[in-house]
Amino acid sequence: MQRALFVSPSVLTLLVLAAYPLVFIASAAFTESSLGKPFQEFVGTANVETALASAGIRGSLLLGTGYAFAVALASTLLGVITAVALHRSLHSGPVVRTALLLPMIVPPVVVGILFSFVFSPSGGLLDTLISRFTPASGTYAILSDTTWAIVGVGIADVWEWTPLVVLLVFTALLGQDPEITEAARLDGARGVRLFGHITLPAVAGTIAAAFLIRLILAFKVFDLVYVMTSGGPGSSTLVPAYLIWRTALQSFDVGMAATITLLLAVIVTVVTLPVFLIVRRLRHG
């Protein structure tokens, strides 16, 4: 009885925060639901069939998956390089380490506004650099280009979340057994050889876990797209999270928004499950 009493708050929290939203989304996906009148009529798999037949929705899910992998990979690579550099120069002090973590503290909306200014064709940082080094090239509006707009959003995303990878990997590096590293140095291991055979295997599980976390965060990107491009130009930055918001709160089609959410959940599960298994094997292997 006492055990059930202690566990009941956690169970109630799980039901409220996880089970109820999942049931609501699943129910809305199989019914005709608007923002004002949810669950009007049961339509079976009609919403799913419509979503799968829509080139726009398929394109958004594909774009979101490619985007998530690209920014997660970039953040992980930059994060590992930065963490190793920090670990090898511990004398740099806490000021430098704190400064490197600042982007993670800045709200995503502020990051979006900041990079909108950076990529502005009228006096932005990128425009200023291009004008100085190539005066005849004219202006370049990266966020107005259908090819480069998603790259601009990705750069802002990588800038914001790479410090998380740095923090995780740097902590793992600090937890290494110094005796193993010292023994490897005495045996002649240096530089790339020392990192590849001693350091990397020791922190590989943490790196994989950081990649997994970063991948999930990248699938959820919304704030940056909302502030920087509003899904445009065209649909070049119409990632799934923004499409769900637009479908539910601009088109008032809650049923279709719930369907896209379920499809996204399936994709995230399929994509992240192998990574999770790799993380578990590296951590416990």
Protein backbone atom coordinates (compact mmCIF):
# COMPACT_ATOMS: atom_id res chain seq x y z
CA MET A 1 0.00 0.00 0.00
CA GLN A 2 2.79 2.40 0.94
CA ARG A 3 4.68 1.55 -2.25
CA ALA A 4 1.60 2.31 -4.36
CA LEU A 5 1.17 5.59 -2.51
CA PHE A 6 4.72 6.67 -3.29
CA VAL A 7 4.50 5.59 -6.95
CA SER A 8 1.08 7.12 -7.66
CA PRO A 9 2.34 10.72 -8.26
CA SER A 10 4.77 9.48 -10.91
CA VAL A 11 2.08 7.37 -12.58
CA LEU A 12 -0.37 10.28 -12.56
CA THR A 13 2.25 12.60 -14.04
CA LEU A 14 3.03 10.08 -16.78
CA LEU A 15 -0.67 9.72 -17.62
CA VAL A 16 -1.21 13.48 -17.79
CA LEU A 17 1.96 14.39 -19.69
CA ALA A 18 2.33 11.38 -21.98
CA ALA A 19 -0.66 9.08 -22.22
CA TYR A 20 -3.39 11.73 -22.56
CA PRO A 21 -1.68 13.71 -25.39
CA LEU A 22 -0.92 10.46 -27.22
CA VAL A 23 -4.54 9.29 -26.97
CA PHE A 24 -5.80 12.72 -28.07
CA ILE A 25 -3.48 12.82 -31.10
CA ALA A 26 -4.33 9.26 -32.11
CA SER A 27 -8.06 9.96 -31.74
CA ALA A 28 -7.84 13.17 -33.76
CA ALA A 29 -5.84 11.45 -36.52
CA PHE A 30 -8.69 9.01 -37.20
CA THR A 31 -11.51 11.54 -37.00
CA GLU A 32 -12.59 14.70 -38.74
CA SER A 33 -11.37 17.30 -36.26
CA SER A 34 -11.12 21.06 -36.46
CA LEU A 35 -9.65 23.45 -33.93
CA GLY A 36 -13.05 24.35 -32.54
CA LYS A 37 -14.80 20.99 -32.99
CA PRO A 38 -12.57 17.97 -32.47
CA PHE A 39 -13.75 14.37 -33.00
CA GLN A 40 -16.68 15.27 -35.25
CA GLU A 41 -16.79 12.07 -37.26
CA PHE A 42 -14.75 8.87 -37.42
CA VAL A 43 -13.02 8.67 -40.80
CA GLY A 44 -10.79 5.64 -40.30
CA THR A 45 -7.53 5.82 -42.22
CA ALA A 46 -8.72 8.56 -44.61
CA ASN A 47 -6.44 11.18 -43.04
CA VAL A 48 -3.44 8.85 -43.22
CA GLU A 49 -4.13 8.02 -46.87
CA THR A 50 -4.51 11.70 -47.71
CA ALA A 51 -1.27 12.56 -45.93
CA LEU A 52 0.69 9.79 -47.64
CA ALA A 53 -0.71 10.85 -51.02
CA SER A 54 0.28 14.49 -50.48
CA ALA A 55 3.56 15.42 -52.13
CA GLY A 56 3.85 18.41 -49.80
CA ILE A 57 3.62 16.32 -46.63
CA ARG A 58 5.96 13.64 -47.96
CA GLY A 59 8.41 16.34 -48.98
CA SER A 60 8.24 17.95 -45.55
CA LEU A 61 8.90 14.65 -43.76
CA LEU A 62 11.81 13.90 -46.10
CA LEU A 63 13.20 17.40 -45.64
CA GLY A 64 12.91 17.10 -41.85
CA THR A 65 14.71 13.75 -41.83
CA GLY A 66 17.58 14.97 -44.02
CA TYR A 67 17.84 18.20 -42.05
CA ALA A 68 17.94 16.34 -38.72
CA PHE A 69 20.74 14.03 -39.84
CA ALA A 70 22.77 16.88 -41.35
CA VAL A 71 22.66 19.23 -38.37
CA ALA A 72 23.09 16.39 -35.86
CA LEU A 73 26.18 15.16 -37.68
CA ALA A 74 27.61 18.69 -38.00
CA SER A 75 26.94 19.47 -34.33
CA THR A 76 28.50 16.20 -33.20
CA LEU A 77 31.66 16.63 -35.28
CA LEU A 78 32.17 20.25 -34.24
CA GLY A 79 31.30 19.41 -30.64
CA VAL A 80 33.83 16.57 -30.43
CA ILE A 81 36.59 18.69 -31.99
CA THR A 82 35.86 21.58 -29.63
CA ALA A 83 35.65 19.31 -26.57
CA VAL A 84 38.98 17.68 -27.37
CA ALA A 85 40.58 21.09 -27.90
CA LEU A 86 39.20 22.30 -24.56
CA HIS A 87 40.40 19.17 -22.79
CA ARG A 88 43.90 19.63 -24.15
CA SER A 89 44.01 23.24 -23.04
CA LEU A 90 42.45 23.15 -19.60
CA HIS A 91 44.57 26.16 -18.67
CA SER A 92 42.28 28.28 -20.87
CA GLY A 93 40.13 28.71 -17.79
CA PRO A 94 36.39 28.75 -17.07
CA VAL A 95 35.78 32.01 -18.95
CA VAL A 96 36.48 30.42 -22.33
CA ARG A 97 34.45 27.32 -21.50
CA THR A 98 31.52 29.42 -20.29
CA ALA A 99 31.63 31.58 -23.43
CA LEU A 100 31.45 28.47 -25.62
CA LEU A 101 28.32 27.33 -23.80
CA LEU A 102 26.49 30.65 -24.13
CA PRO A 103 24.67 29.79 -27.41
CA MET A 104 22.86 26.96 -25.61
CA ILE A 105 21.53 29.43 -23.02
CA VAL A 106 20.16 31.88 -25.59
CA PRO A 107 16.43 31.31 -26.36
CA PRO A 108 15.84 29.85 -29.86
CA VAL A 109 13.74 32.87 -30.86
CA VAL A 110 16.65 35.18 -30.07
CA VAL A 111 18.99 32.91 -32.04
CA GLY A 112 16.63 33.12 -35.02
CA ILE A 113 16.51 36.91 -34.85
CA LEU A 114 20.30 37.09 -34.50
CA PHE A 115 20.94 34.96 -37.57
CA SER A 116 18.25 36.79 -39.52
CA PHE A 117 20.40 39.88 -39.02
CA VAL A 118 23.56 37.92 -39.90
CA PHE A 119 22.03 36.76 -43.20
CA SER A 120 20.27 40.05 -43.98
CA PRO A 121 21.04 41.27 -47.53
CA SER A 122 21.03 44.85 -46.26
CA GLY A 123 24.09 45.28 -44.10
CA GLY A 124 24.15 41.86 -42.46
CA LEU A 125 27.43 40.23 -41.45
CA LEU A 126 27.44 37.87 -44.43
CA ASP A 127 26.57 40.65 -46.86
CA THR A 128 29.30 42.87 -45.38
CA LEU A 129 31.97 40.16 -45.73
CA ILE A 130 30.94 39.34 -49.30
CA SER A 131 30.94 43.03 -50.27
CA ARG A 132 34.40 43.56 -48.75
CA PHE A 133 36.17 40.59 -50.32
CA THR A 134 34.21 40.42 -53.60
CA PRO A 135 32.91 43.96 -54.28
CA ALA A 136 31.46 43.08 -57.67
CA SER A 137 29.36 40.14 -56.45
CA GLY A 138 26.41 42.23 -55.25
CA THR A 139 24.14 41.22 -52.37
CA TYR A 140 23.08 37.71 -51.51
CA ALA A 141 19.91 36.96 -49.54
CA ILE A 142 20.54 33.45 -48.26
CA LEU A 143 17.18 33.18 -46.48
CA SER A 144 15.33 34.12 -49.67
CA ASP A 145 17.01 31.44 -51.76
CA THR A 146 15.13 28.15 -52.13
CA THR A 147 18.37 26.17 -52.03
CA TRP A 148 20.28 27.94 -49.29
CA ALA A 149 17.50 28.96 -46.88
CA ILE A 150 17.48 25.56 -45.14
CA VAL A 151 21.27 25.80 -44.89
CA GLY A 152 20.93 29.15 -43.14
CA VAL A 153 18.48 27.69 -40.63
CA GLY A 154 20.81 24.72 -40.14
CA ILE A 155 23.78 26.98 -39.42
CA ALA A 156 21.79 28.75 -36.70
CA ASP A 157 20.68 25.39 -35.31
CA VAL A 158 24.22 24.03 -35.23
CA TRP A 159 25.49 27.21 -33.55
CA GLU A 160 22.83 26.92 -30.87
CA TRP A 161 23.13 23.23 -29.96
CA THR A 162 26.77 22.31 -30.61
CA PRO A 163 27.66 23.49 -27.06
CA LEU A 164 25.45 20.70 -25.71
CA VAL A 165 27.63 18.14 -27.49
CA VAL A 166 30.74 19.96 -26.25
CA LEU A 167 29.48 19.78 -22.67
CA LEU A 168 28.66 16.07 -22.83
CA VAL A 169 31.88 15.01 -24.55
CA PHE A 170 34.07 17.31 -22.44
CA THR A 171 32.59 15.80 -19.27
CA ALA A 172 33.31 12.30 -20.59
CA LEU A 173 36.90 13.30 -21.39
CA LEU A 174 37.35 14.56 -17.84
CA GLY A 175 36.15 11.18 -16.58
CA GLN A 176 38.85 9.22 -18.40
CA ASP A 177 41.34 7.19 -16.39
CA PRO A 178 44.56 9.26 -16.63
CA GLU A 179 46.69 6.19 -15.94
CA ILE A 180 45.55 4.53 -19.18
CA THR A 181 46.36 7.64 -21.20
CA GLU A 182 49.74 8.01 -19.51
CA ALA A 183 50.57 4.35 -20.16
CA ALA A 184 49.69 4.80 -23.83
CA ARG A 185 51.99 7.83 -24.03
CA LEU A 186 54.84 5.83 -22.49
CA ASP A 187 54.29 3.20 -25.19
CA GLY A 188 54.73 5.90 -27.84
CA ALA A 189 51.12 6.78 -28.65
CA ARG A 190 50.80 10.43 -29.66
CA GLY A 191 48.38 12.71 -31.47
CA VAL A 192 45.92 11.00 -33.79
CA ARG A 193 47.06 7.54 -32.74
CA LEU A 194 46.45 8.30 -29.06
CA PHE A 195 43.04 9.77 -29.82
CA GLY A 196 41.97 6.96 -32.14
CA HIS A 197 43.04 4.03 -29.97
CA ILE A 198 42.59 5.35 -26.43
CA THR A 199 40.48 8.51 -26.19
CA LEU A 200 37.85 7.79 -28.84
CA PRO A 201 36.91 4.28 -27.61
CA ALA A 202 36.61 5.66 -24.06
CA VAL A 203 34.10 8.36 -25.04
CA ALA A 204 32.46 6.68 -28.06
CA GLY A 205 29.32 5.87 -26.08
CA THR A 206 28.95 9.48 -24.97
CA ILE A 207 29.50 10.73 -28.53
CA ALA A 208 26.83 8.36 -29.83
CA ALA A 209 24.45 9.43 -27.06
CA ALA A 210 25.11 13.10 -27.86
CA PHE A 211 24.36 12.41 -31.54
CA LEU A 212 21.09 10.71 -30.56
CA ILE A 213 20.01 13.65 -28.38
CA ARG A 214 21.00 16.11 -31.09
CA LEU A 215 19.11 14.12 -33.73
CA ILE A 216 15.90 14.20 -31.70
CA LEU A 217 16.26 17.93 -31.04
CA ALA A 218 16.79 18.55 -34.76
CA PHE A 219 13.53 16.78 -35.65
CA LYS A 220 11.72 19.21 -33.34
CA VAL A 221 13.06 22.44 -34.86
CA PHE A 222 10.31 25.04 -35.07
CA ASP A 223 11.37 28.34 -33.47
CA LEU A 224 14.20 29.04 -35.92
CA VAL A 225 12.01 28.33 -38.96
CA TYR A 226 9.17 30.44 -37.56
CA VAL A 227 11.44 33.44 -36.96
CA MET A 228 13.83 33.17 -39.89
CA THR A 229 11.83 31.93 -42.90
CA SER A 230 8.21 31.06 -41.94
CA GLY A 231 8.64 27.85 -43.92
CA GLY A 232 9.68 29.64 -47.11
CA PRO A 233 10.69 30.60 -49.65
CA GLY A 234 8.07 28.33 -51.12
CA SER A 235 8.27 25.17 -49.06
CA SER A 236 12.06 24.96 -48.94
CA THR A 237 12.18 25.17 -45.12
CA LEU A 238 8.79 23.62 -44.38
CA VAL A 239 10.01 21.16 -41.75
CA PRO A 240 7.44 18.83 -40.13
CA ALA A 241 7.07 20.74 -36.84
CA TYR A 242 6.26 23.96 -38.70
CA LEU A 243 3.92 22.12 -41.07
CA ILE A 244 2.04 20.64 -38.10
CA TRP A 245 1.69 24.07 -36.51
CA ARG A 246 0.50 25.64 -39.77
CA THR A 247 -1.98 22.84 -40.46
CA ALA A 248 -3.47 22.99 -36.95
CA LEU A 249 -3.42 26.70 -36.17
CA GLN A 250 -3.67 28.33 -39.60
CA SER A 251 -5.74 25.80 -41.55
CA PHE A 252 -7.56 24.64 -38.37
CA ASP A 253 -7.31 21.02 -39.56
CA VAL A 254 -6.46 19.29 -36.29
CA GLY A 255 -7.12 15.85 -37.74
CA MET A 256 -4.52 16.25 -40.47
CA ALA A 257 -2.07 17.88 -38.05
CA ALA A 258 -2.44 14.89 -35.71
CA THR A 259 -1.89 12.53 -38.64
CA ILE A 260 1.34 14.28 -39.63
CA THR A 261 2.42 14.13 -35.99
CA LEU A 262 1.89 10.36 -35.91
CA LEU A 263 3.78 9.90 -39.18
CA LEU A 264 6.62 12.00 -37.81
CA ALA A 265 6.65 9.92 -34.62
CA VAL A 266 6.95 6.74 -36.69
CA ILE A 267 9.84 8.20 -38.70
CA VAL A 268 11.65 9.42 -35.58
CA THR A 269 11.26 5.98 -33.99
CA VAL A 270 12.56 4.15 -37.06
CA VAL A 271 15.49 6.56 -37.44
CA THR A 272 16.53 6.76 -33.80
CA LEU A 273 16.07 3.09 -32.82
CA PRO A 274 19.27 1.89 -34.56
CA VAL A 275 21.18 4.80 -33.05
CA PHE A 276 19.80 3.93 -29.61
CA LEU A 277 20.92 0.32 -30.02
CA ILE A 278 24.40 1.51 -31.01
CA VAL A 279 24.52 3.78 -27.96
CA ARG A 280 23.50 0.94 -25.65
CA ARG A 281 26.10 -1.38 -27.17
CA LEU A 282 28.88 1.19 -26.84
CA ARG A 283 27.91 2.10 -23.29
CA HIS A 284 27.60 -1.46 -22.04
CA GLY A 285 29.71 -3.41 -24.52
